[in-house]
Amino acid sequence: MKRMRHLTLALSIVLCGMVANAQIQKGNIMVGGTLANLGLNFQKSSTQFSMDLTPKAAWFIKDGFALGGYVNLGLSTDNPGTNVNYGVGALARYFVEDKNVRKLEFSKRSRFFLEGTVGFAGFNPANGASTNGLDIGVGPGISYFITPNVGLEGLLKYDLTVGFGNSTTSNRLNLGVGFQIYLPSARAKQIYREERNR
């Protein structure tokens, strides 16, 4: 009985270590998004606190590196009106494999990553400077795999929008909290077929 417990414990440790690596392999799909995006806008004429919804989807073209797209819709209230921000574009995500960085992770189930986005976006407050145009964002994040296929994550990202409007640039720093579902592409195709045949 004691031997069985030791074997079970050893297998659990090995499986927990494999969880964070298995889901970021080439061919897998990442779907999810940022549910609560807390941010500050650094425009002189208007600084707001905002909440956004940002769905994302990406495909791992190699182990630890995914390419995909995102959509962003955000609303915030400011006296006397409602502010709207939006965005659509491409994203790239790289899960850090460096041994020195891996030592900093607090659990075998967690993984550090870097995310970059490029697309079209706009920030349009009810009062103050608006900017619409090219949006570039980059930032670090951490994903904690609460199950083998679901990662709870935090992302600190700097966004710069350059274009037209009352202001030619808009700078924002966002802290996003959300989740991602990681599926092998074969499983994703099976789910799609099952839904289509209903």
C-alpha atoms as a PDB file:
ATOM      1  CA  MET A   1       0.000   0.000   0.000  1.00  0.00           C
ATOM      2  CA  LYS A   2       2.799   2.392   0.909  1.00  0.00           C
ATOM      3  CA  ARG A   3       4.575   1.567  -2.352  1.00  0.00           C
ATOM      4  CA  MET A   4       1.389   2.362  -4.307  1.00  0.00           C
ATOM      5  CA  ARG A   5       1.129   5.788  -2.654  1.00  0.00           C
ATOM      6  CA  HIS A   6       4.733   6.608  -3.531  1.00  0.00           C
ATOM      7  CA  LEU A   7       4.151   5.525  -7.141  1.00  0.00           C
ATOM      8  CA  THR A   8       0.987   7.622  -7.366  1.00  0.00           C
ATOM      9  CA  LEU A   9       2.795  10.663  -5.924  1.00  0.00           C
ATOM     10  CA  ALA A  10       5.714  10.257  -8.358  1.00  0.00           C
ATOM     11  CA  LEU A  11       3.351   9.956 -11.336  1.00  0.00           C
ATOM     12  CA  SER A  12       1.427  13.057 -10.193  1.00  0.00           C
ATOM     13  CA  ILE A  13       4.631  15.118 -10.029  1.00  0.00           C
ATOM     14  CA  VAL A  14       5.713  13.974 -13.492  1.00  0.00           C
ATOM     15  CA  LEU A  15       2.265  14.688 -14.989  1.00  0.00           C
ATOM     16  CA  CYS A  16       2.103  18.159 -13.412  1.00  0.00           C
ATOM     17  CA  GLY A  17       5.455  18.986 -14.997  1.00  0.00           C
ATOM     18  CA  MET A  18       4.240  17.804 -18.400  1.00  0.00           C
ATOM     19  CA  VAL A  19       0.921  19.704 -18.246  1.00  0.00           C
ATOM     20  CA  ALA A  20       2.385  23.121 -19.066  1.00  0.00           C
ATOM     21  CA  ASN A  21       4.497  21.751 -21.932  1.00  0.00           C
ATOM     22  CA  ALA A  22       1.967  19.477 -23.636  1.00  0.00           C
ATOM     23  CA  GLN A  23      -0.519  22.227 -24.401  1.00  0.00           C
ATOM     24  CA  ILE A  24       1.920  24.560 -26.183  1.00  0.00           C
ATOM     25  CA  GLN A  25       3.146  22.036 -28.749  1.00  0.00           C
ATOM     26  CA  LYS A  26       3.146  22.556 -32.505  1.00  0.00           C
ATOM     27  CA  GLY A  27      -0.296  22.027 -34.032  1.00  0.00           C
ATOM     28  CA  ASN A  28      -2.308  22.877 -30.904  1.00  0.00           C
ATOM     29  CA  ILE A  29      -4.920  25.624 -30.840  1.00  0.00           C
ATOM     30  CA  MET A  30      -5.325  28.349 -28.205  1.00  0.00           C
ATOM     31  CA  VAL A  31      -8.787  29.950 -27.791  1.00  0.00           C
ATOM     32  CA  GLY A  32      -9.967  32.271 -25.035  1.00  0.00           C
ATOM     33  CA  GLY A  33      -9.542  35.858 -24.085  1.00  0.00           C
ATOM     34  CA  THR A  34      -9.077  38.605 -21.580  1.00  0.00           C
ATOM     35  CA  LEU A  35     -12.215  39.085 -19.510  1.00  0.00           C
ATOM     36  CA  ALA A  36     -11.152  41.944 -17.272  1.00  0.00           C
ATOM     37  CA  ASN A  37      -8.728  44.430 -18.754  1.00  0.00           C
ATOM     38  CA  LEU A  38      -7.882  47.206 -16.342  1.00  0.00           C
ATOM     39  CA  GLY A  39      -5.990  50.089 -17.852  1.00  0.00           C
ATOM     40  CA  LEU A  40      -4.879  53.680 -17.749  1.00  0.00           C
ATOM     41  CA  ASN A  41      -4.734  56.024 -20.716  1.00  0.00           C
ATOM     42  CA  PHE A  42      -1.877  58.540 -20.600  1.00  0.00           C
ATOM     43  CA  GLN A  43      -3.428  61.254 -22.780  1.00  0.00           C
ATOM     44  CA  LYS A  44      -3.116  64.711 -21.216  1.00  0.00           C
ATOM     45  CA  SER A  45      -6.745  65.607 -21.753  1.00  0.00           C
ATOM     46  CA  SER A  46      -8.299  62.401 -20.417  1.00  0.00           C
ATOM     47  CA  THR A  47      -7.117  59.687 -18.070  1.00  0.00           C
ATOM     48  CA  GLN A  48      -9.641  56.919 -17.523  1.00  0.00           C
ATOM     49  CA  PHE A  49     -10.099  53.635 -15.805  1.00  0.00           C
ATOM     50  CA  SER A  50     -11.581  51.124 -18.273  1.00  0.00           C
ATOM     51  CA  MET A  51     -12.727  47.531 -18.715  1.00  0.00           C
ATOM     52  CA  ASP A  52     -12.386  45.591 -21.980  1.00  0.00           C
ATOM     53  CA  LEU A  53     -13.290  42.237 -23.493  1.00  0.00           C
ATOM     54  CA  THR A  54     -10.647  40.772 -25.819  1.00  0.00           C
ATOM     55  CA  PRO A  55     -11.294  37.352 -27.423  1.00  0.00           C
ATOM     56  CA  LYS A  56      -8.209  35.656 -28.923  1.00  0.00           C
ATOM     57  CA  ALA A  57      -7.466  32.611 -31.080  1.00  0.00           C
ATOM     58  CA  ALA A  58      -4.057  31.299 -32.147  1.00  0.00           C
ATOM     59  CA  TRP A  59      -2.399  28.240 -33.625  1.00  0.00           C
ATOM     60  CA  PHE A  60       0.989  26.919 -32.477  1.00  0.00           C
ATOM     61  CA  ILE A  61       3.208  26.899 -35.569  1.00  0.00           C
ATOM     62  CA  LYS A  62       6.059  25.465 -33.479  1.00  0.00           C
ATOM     63  CA  ASP A  63       6.490  24.393 -29.868  1.00  0.00           C
ATOM     64  CA  GLY A  64       5.936  27.401 -27.612  1.00  0.00           C
ATOM     65  CA  PHE A  65       5.183  29.884 -30.441  1.00  0.00           C
ATOM     66  CA  ALA A  66       1.641  30.734 -31.588  1.00  0.00           C
ATOM     67  CA  LEU A  67       0.228  33.096 -34.223  1.00  0.00           C
ATOM     68  CA  GLY A  68      -3.384  34.215 -34.406  1.00  0.00           C
ATOM     69  CA  GLY A  69      -5.775  37.114 -34.084  1.00  0.00           C
ATOM     70  CA  TYR A  70      -7.701  39.159 -31.555  1.00  0.00           C
ATOM     71  CA  VAL A  71     -10.689  41.494 -31.325  1.00  0.00           C
ATOM     72  CA  ASN A  72     -11.072  44.151 -28.635  1.00  0.00           C
ATOM     73  CA  LEU A  73     -14.128  46.054 -27.440  1.00  0.00           C
ATOM     74  CA  GLY A  74     -13.970  48.342 -24.437  1.00  0.00           C
ATOM     75  CA  LEU A  75     -16.331  50.740 -22.730  1.00  0.00           C
ATOM     76  CA  SER A  76     -15.762  53.123 -19.867  1.00  0.00           C
ATOM     77  CA  THR A  77     -17.741  55.915 -18.340  1.00  0.00           C
ATOM     78  CA  ASP A  78     -16.400  59.376 -17.776  1.00  0.00           C
ATOM     79  CA  ASN A  79     -18.235  62.503 -16.729  1.00  0.00           C
ATOM     80  CA  PRO A  80     -20.305  63.361 -18.777  1.00  0.00           C
ATOM     81  CA  GLY A  81     -20.287  60.508 -21.325  1.00  0.00           C
ATOM     82  CA  THR A  82     -19.283  57.043 -22.461  1.00  0.00           C
ATOM     83  CA  ASN A  83     -15.907  56.254 -23.951  1.00  0.00           C
ATOM     84  CA  VAL A  84     -15.374  53.556 -26.566  1.00  0.00           C
ATOM     85  CA  ASN A  85     -12.226  51.775 -27.626  1.00  0.00           C
ATOM     86  CA  TYR A  86     -11.907  48.966 -30.154  1.00  0.00           C
ATOM     87  CA  GLY A  87      -9.299  46.973 -32.008  1.00  0.00           C
ATOM     88  CA  VAL A  88      -8.725  44.072 -34.364  1.00  0.00           C
ATOM     89  CA  GLY A  89      -5.464  42.529 -35.511  1.00  0.00           C
ATOM     90  CA  ALA A  90      -2.845  39.811 -35.387  1.00  0.00           C
ATOM     91  CA  LEU A  91      -1.085  38.445 -32.327  1.00  0.00           C
ATOM     92  CA  ALA A  92       2.052  36.441 -31.649  1.00  0.00           C
ATOM     93  CA  ARG A  93       2.748  34.666 -28.381  1.00  0.00           C
ATOM     94  CA  TYR A  94       6.040  33.088 -27.302  1.00  0.00           C
ATOM     95  CA  PHE A  95       6.308  30.913 -24.190  1.00  0.00           C
ATOM     96  CA  VAL A  96       9.743  31.459 -22.626  1.00  0.00           C
ATOM     97  CA  GLU A  97      11.899  28.322 -22.531  1.00  0.00           C
ATOM     98  CA  ASP A  98      15.055  29.830 -20.990  1.00  0.00           C
ATOM     99  CA  LYS A  99      16.224  27.812 -17.938  1.00  0.00           C
ATOM    100  CA  ASN A 100      16.978  30.951 -15.901  1.00  0.00           C
ATOM    101  CA  VAL A 101      13.445  32.278 -16.467  1.00  0.00           C
ATOM    102  CA  ARG A 102      11.905  28.856 -15.742  1.00  0.00           C
ATOM    103  CA  LYS A 103      13.540  28.978 -12.273  1.00  0.00           C
ATOM    104  CA  LEU A 104      11.453  32.083 -11.463  1.00  0.00           C
ATOM    105  CA  GLU A 105       8.140  30.317 -12.091  1.00  0.00           C
ATOM    106  CA  PHE A 106       6.314  29.586  -8.864  1.00  0.00           C
ATOM    107  CA  SER A 107       4.846  26.261  -9.997  1.00  0.00           C
ATOM    108  CA  LYS A 108       5.375  23.471 -12.532  1.00  0.00           C
ATOM    109  CA  ARG A 109       1.936  24.436 -13.872  1.00  0.00           C
ATOM    110  CA  SER A 110       2.885  28.028 -14.687  1.00  0.00           C
ATOM    111  CA  ARG A 111       4.586  29.420 -17.791  1.00  0.00           C
ATOM    112  CA  PHE A 112       5.893  32.907 -18.619  1.00  0.00           C
ATOM    113  CA  PHE A 113       5.163  34.285 -22.078  1.00  0.00           C
ATOM    114  CA  LEU A 114       5.621  37.394 -24.222  1.00  0.00           C
ATOM    115  CA  GLU A 115       2.762  38.644 -26.382  1.00  0.00           C
ATOM    116  CA  GLY A 116       2.853  41.133 -29.219  1.00  0.00           C
ATOM    117  CA  THR A 117      -0.039  42.518 -31.278  1.00  0.00           C
ATOM    118  CA  VAL A 118      -0.354  44.609 -34.427  1.00  0.00           C
ATOM    119  CA  GLY A 119      -3.644  45.841 -35.830  1.00  0.00           C
ATOM    120  CA  PHE A 120      -6.129  48.647 -36.259  1.00  0.00           C
ATOM    121  CA  ALA A 121      -7.516  50.285 -33.120  1.00  0.00           C
ATOM    122  CA  GLY A 122      -9.218  53.373 -31.842  1.00  0.00           C
ATOM    123  CA  PHE A 123      -9.696  55.192 -28.572  1.00  0.00           C
ATOM    124  CA  ASN A 124     -12.663  57.559 -28.678  1.00  0.00           C
ATOM    125  CA  PRO A 125     -13.579  59.285 -25.411  1.00  0.00           C
ATOM    126  CA  ALA A 126     -16.750  61.308 -25.024  1.00  0.00           C
ATOM    127  CA  ASN A 127     -14.574  64.296 -24.080  1.00  0.00           C
ATOM    128  CA  GLY A 128     -10.912  64.666 -24.920  1.00  0.00           C
ATOM    129  CA  ALA A 129      -8.511  63.503 -27.583  1.00  0.00           C
ATOM    130  CA  SER A 130      -9.430  60.562 -29.815  1.00  0.00           C
ATOM    131  CA  THR A 131      -6.985  58.472 -31.844  1.00  0.00           C
ATOM    132  CA  ASN A 132      -7.702  55.869 -34.547  1.00  0.00           C
ATOM    133  CA  GLY A 133      -5.071  54.031 -36.558  1.00  0.00           C
ATOM    134  CA  LEU A 134      -2.219  51.534 -36.320  1.00  0.00           C
ATOM    135  CA  ASP A 135      -1.976  49.859 -32.924  1.00  0.00           C
ATOM    136  CA  ILE A 136       1.149  48.095 -31.660  1.00  0.00           C
ATOM    137  CA  GLY A 137       1.253  46.344 -28.289  1.00  0.00           C
ATOM    138  CA  VAL A 138       3.759  44.238 -26.390  1.00  0.00           C
ATOM    139  CA  GLY A 139       4.061  42.819 -22.905  1.00  0.00           C
ATOM    140  CA  PRO A 140       4.905  39.940 -20.583  1.00  0.00           C
ATOM    141  CA  GLY A 141       2.430  37.550 -19.049  1.00  0.00           C
ATOM    142  CA  ILE A 142       2.082  34.378 -17.012  1.00  0.00           C
ATOM    143  CA  SER A 143      -0.272  31.468 -17.564  1.00  0.00           C
ATOM    144  CA  TYR A 144      -1.213  29.095 -14.740  1.00  0.00           C
ATOM    145  CA  PHE A 145      -2.727  25.822 -15.958  1.00  0.00           C
ATOM    146  CA  ILE A 146      -5.646  25.133 -13.594  1.00  0.00           C
ATOM    147  CA  THR A 147      -6.449  21.994 -15.645  1.00  0.00           C
ATOM    148  CA  PRO A 148      -4.409  20.289 -18.375  1.00  0.00           C
ATOM    149  CA  ASN A 149      -6.283  22.298 -21.035  1.00  0.00           C
ATOM    150  CA  VAL A 150      -7.228  25.582 -19.316  1.00  0.00           C
ATOM    151  CA  GLY A 151      -4.804  28.330 -18.366  1.00  0.00           C
ATOM    152  CA  LEU A 152      -5.680  31.284 -16.116  1.00  0.00           C
ATOM    153  CA  GLU A 153      -3.468  34.181 -17.128  1.00  0.00           C
ATOM    154  CA  GLY A 154      -2.351  37.698 -16.422  1.00  0.00           C
ATOM    155  CA  LEU A 155      -0.853  40.014 -19.063  1.00  0.00           C
ATOM    156  CA  LEU A 156       0.730  43.447 -18.537  1.00  0.00           C
ATOM    157  CA  LYS A 157       0.762  45.142 -21.942  1.00  0.00           C
ATOM    158  CA  TYR A 158       1.785  48.518 -23.333  1.00  0.00           C
ATOM    159  CA  ASP A 159      -0.249  49.708 -26.356  1.00  0.00           C
ATOM    160  CA  LEU A 160       0.618  52.559 -28.702  1.00  0.00           C
ATOM    161  CA  THR A 161      -1.907  53.768 -31.291  1.00  0.00           C
ATOM    162  CA  VAL A 162      -0.628  56.064 -34.055  1.00  0.00           C
ATOM    163  CA  GLY A 163      -2.987  57.574 -36.605  1.00  0.00           C
ATOM    164  CA  PHE A 164      -5.565  60.267 -37.002  1.00  0.00           C
ATOM    165  CA  GLY A 165      -8.123  62.008 -34.816  1.00  0.00           C
ATOM    166  CA  ASN A 166      -7.791  64.872 -32.345  1.00  0.00           C
ATOM    167  CA  SER A 167      -4.489  63.332 -31.223  1.00  0.00           C
ATOM    168  CA  THR A 168      -2.005  61.487 -33.438  1.00  0.00           C
ATOM    169  CA  THR A 169      -0.914  59.107 -30.650  1.00  0.00           C
ATOM    170  CA  SER A 170      -2.468  57.303 -27.715  1.00  0.00           C
ATOM    171  CA  ASN A 171      -0.437  55.430 -25.053  1.00  0.00           C
ATOM    172  CA  ARG A 172      -2.009  52.890 -22.727  1.00  0.00           C
ATOM    173  CA  LEU A 173      -0.807  50.427 -20.101  1.00  0.00           C
ATOM    174  CA  ASN A 174      -3.195  47.510 -19.504  1.00  0.00           C
ATOM    175  CA  LEU A 175      -3.350  44.720 -16.945  1.00  0.00           C
ATOM    176  CA  GLY A 176      -5.451  41.901 -18.385  1.00  0.00           C
ATOM    177  CA  VAL A 177      -6.804  38.861 -16.570  1.00  0.00           C
ATOM    178  CA  GLY A 178      -8.443  36.047 -18.491  1.00  0.00           C
ATOM    179  CA  PHE A 179      -8.176  32.454 -19.582  1.00  0.00           C
ATOM    180  CA  GLN A 180      -7.169  30.361 -22.583  1.00  0.00           C
ATOM    181  CA  ILE A 181      -8.224  26.876 -23.629  1.00  0.00           C
ATOM    182  CA  TYR A 182      -5.484  24.797 -25.263  1.00  0.00           C
ATOM    183  CA  LEU A 183      -6.649  21.996 -27.567  1.00  0.00           C
ATOM    184  CA  PRO A 184      -4.791  19.603 -29.820  1.00  0.00           C
ATOM    185  CA  SER A 185      -5.884  20.375 -33.393  1.00  0.00           C
ATOM    186  CA  ALA A 186      -7.375  16.866 -33.801  1.00  0.00           C
ATOM    187  CA  ARG A 187      -9.624  17.433 -30.754  1.00  0.00           C
ATOM    188  CA  ALA A 188     -10.655  20.877 -32.019  1.00  0.00           C
ATOM    189  CA  LYS A 189     -11.650  19.379 -35.399  1.00  0.00           C
ATOM    190  CA  GLN A 190     -13.687  16.711 -33.614  1.00  0.00           C
ATOM    191  CA  ILE A 191     -15.571  19.331 -31.576  1.00  0.00           C
ATOM    192  CA  TYR A 192     -16.254  21.350 -34.752  1.00  0.00           C
ATOM    193  CA  ARG A 193     -17.610  18.248 -36.579  1.00  0.00           C
ATOM    194  CA  GLU A 194     -19.844  17.331 -33.628  1.00  0.00           C
ATOM    195  CA  GLU A 195     -21.317  20.861 -33.464  1.00  0.00           C
ATOM    196  CA  ARG A 196     -21.831  21.027 -37.242  1.00  0.00           C
ATOM    197  CA  ASN A 197     -23.689  17.683 -37.316  1.00  0.00           C
ATOM    198  CA  ARG A 198     -26.169  18.614 -34.573  1.00  0.00           C
END
